[in-house]
Amino acid sequence: APPAAANPNMSTALFLLGKGSATSGEKQAAADELNNSECKSIITFVRSAGVQPADLLRFFDRKDHYLLFGRDADTVATSYFKSSAAVKHWNQGNERHPYLTINKKMGGEVMRAALLPQR
């Protein structure tokens, strides 16, 4: 269950990226694993987007779930879920890229926690 009060250091801006190729009939376990072409596309996009502001989270909309990649995956896992256990890694050569998949409901809760002012 998510914490009652979100971390005040949580990012406050969101960037929701377009629909993915996942179908609604896929199981979450299959959605948790990135395939090579999907991961390469995300890496290419992230690198071409330039420097990411510190207060921005990028959510990739994969139709039936959201994917957070790199720093965003680590930030949401540690700041919101208080654990990095759900973070997976995709290896490309010597590079290791963290990613996190979350269902739509949990994605909405994370976005709400990131956007609501902390009291």
Protein backbone atom coordinates (compact mmCIF):
# COMPACT_ATOMS: atom_id res chain seq x y z
CA ALA A 1 0.00 0.00 0.00
CA PRO A 2 1.27 3.50 -0.76
CA PRO A 3 2.38 5.69 2.12
CA ALA A 4 -0.14 8.07 3.65
CA ALA A 5 2.05 11.09 2.92
CA ALA A 6 4.19 11.19 -0.18
CA ASN A 7 7.80 12.26 0.01
CA PRO A 8 8.10 16.08 -0.21
CA ASN A 9 11.14 15.63 -2.47
CA MET A 10 9.02 13.85 -5.08
CA SER A 11 9.11 15.48 -8.52
CA THR A 12 6.22 17.80 -9.29
CA ALA A 13 6.01 17.80 -13.08
CA LEU A 14 4.91 14.94 -15.32
CA PHE A 15 5.50 14.18 -18.96
CA LEU A 16 3.17 11.49 -20.31
CA LEU A 17 4.46 9.89 -23.48
CA GLY A 18 2.38 8.25 -26.22
CA LYS A 19 0.61 4.94 -26.38
CA GLY A 20 2.70 1.81 -26.71
CA SER A 21 2.23 -1.39 -28.58
CA ALA A 22 0.95 -3.49 -25.67
CA THR A 23 -2.50 -5.02 -26.04
CA SER A 24 -5.13 -5.02 -23.33
CA GLY A 25 -5.08 -8.81 -23.22
CA GLU A 26 -1.46 -9.05 -22.12
CA LYS A 27 -0.76 -10.20 -18.59
CA GLN A 28 1.11 -7.86 -16.25
CA ALA A 29 3.98 -10.34 -15.96
CA ALA A 30 4.60 -10.11 -19.71
CA ALA A 31 4.29 -6.33 -19.54
CA ASP A 32 6.98 -6.21 -16.86
CA GLU A 33 9.63 -7.36 -19.32
CA LEU A 34 10.93 -4.98 -21.97
CA ASN A 35 11.84 -6.40 -25.35
CA ASN A 36 15.00 -5.23 -27.13
CA SER A 37 13.28 -3.02 -29.71
CA GLU A 38 11.06 -1.33 -27.12
CA CYS A 39 14.00 -0.61 -24.84
CA LYS A 40 16.17 0.68 -27.68
CA SER A 41 13.33 2.99 -28.78
CA ILE A 42 12.96 4.38 -25.26
CA ILE A 43 16.73 4.90 -24.89
CA THR A 44 16.85 6.69 -28.25
CA PHE A 45 13.95 8.94 -27.25
CA VAL A 46 15.37 9.74 -23.80
CA ARG A 47 18.78 10.62 -25.26
CA SER A 48 17.27 12.77 -28.02
CA ALA A 49 15.04 14.63 -25.53
CA GLY A 50 18.09 16.25 -23.94
CA VAL A 51 18.67 16.99 -20.29
CA GLN A 52 15.70 16.13 -18.12
CA PRO A 53 14.77 18.81 -15.56
CA ALA A 54 15.14 17.61 -11.98
CA ASP A 55 11.42 18.19 -11.27
CA LEU A 56 10.12 16.10 -14.20
CA LEU A 57 8.94 12.48 -14.29
CA ARG A 58 8.43 10.81 -17.68
CA PHE A 59 5.68 8.19 -17.77
CA PHE A 60 5.54 6.06 -20.92
CA ASP A 61 1.92 5.06 -21.60
CA ARG A 62 1.88 1.40 -22.70
CA LYS A 63 -1.94 1.16 -23.02
CA ASP A 64 -2.53 -1.16 -20.05
CA HIS A 65 0.30 0.07 -17.81
CA TYR A 66 2.89 2.83 -17.40
CA LEU A 67 6.62 2.42 -17.72
CA LEU A 68 9.17 4.63 -15.99
CA PHE A 69 12.74 4.45 -17.22
CA GLY A 70 16.13 5.34 -15.78
CA ARG A 71 16.21 7.95 -13.05
CA ASP A 72 12.39 8.12 -13.06
CA ALA A 73 12.10 4.41 -12.20
CA ASP A 74 14.53 4.78 -9.30
CA THR A 75 12.86 7.98 -8.06
CA VAL A 76 9.34 6.54 -7.98
CA ALA A 77 10.51 3.26 -6.45
CA THR A 78 12.46 4.86 -3.62
CA SER A 79 10.37 8.01 -3.00
CA TYR A 80 6.87 6.62 -3.42
CA PHE A 81 7.08 2.85 -2.84
CA LYS A 82 10.00 3.10 -0.37
CA SER A 83 11.68 0.08 -2.03
CA SER A 84 13.67 -0.63 -5.16
CA ALA A 85 12.57 -4.28 -5.25
CA ALA A 86 10.22 -3.76 -8.22
CA VAL A 87 12.86 -2.02 -10.36
CA LYS A 88 14.11 -4.24 -13.17
CA HIS A 89 17.15 -3.70 -15.35
CA TRP A 90 17.74 -4.02 -19.07
CA ASN A 91 21.37 -4.58 -20.07
CA GLN A 92 22.79 -3.15 -23.27
CA GLY A 93 26.50 -3.84 -23.58
CA ASN A 94 28.17 -2.34 -20.53
CA GLU A 95 25.15 -0.15 -19.73
CA ARG A 96 22.47 -1.17 -17.25
CA HIS A 97 19.13 0.65 -17.58
CA PRO A 98 16.61 0.56 -14.71
CA TYR A 99 12.89 0.49 -15.48
CA LEU A 100 9.66 0.13 -13.53
CA THR A 101 6.23 -0.92 -14.75
CA ILE A 102 3.12 0.05 -12.80
CA ASN A 103 -0.55 -0.52 -13.53
CA LYS A 104 -2.83 2.35 -14.54
CA LYS A 105 -4.44 2.72 -11.11
CA MET A 106 -1.10 2.90 -9.30
CA GLY A 107 0.22 5.24 -12.00
CA GLY A 108 -2.65 7.62 -11.27
CA GLU A 109 -1.85 7.53 -7.57
CA VAL A 110 1.84 8.22 -8.21
CA MET A 111 0.98 11.12 -10.54
CA ARG A 112 -1.45 12.56 -8.00
CA ALA A 113 1.17 12.33 -5.22
CA ALA A 114 3.75 14.00 -7.46
CA LEU A 115 1.48 16.86 -8.48
CA LEU A 116 -0.36 17.66 -5.25
CA PRO A 117 1.33 20.26 -3.07
CA GLN A 118 2.75 18.77 0.09
CA ARG A 119 1.23 20.02 3.34
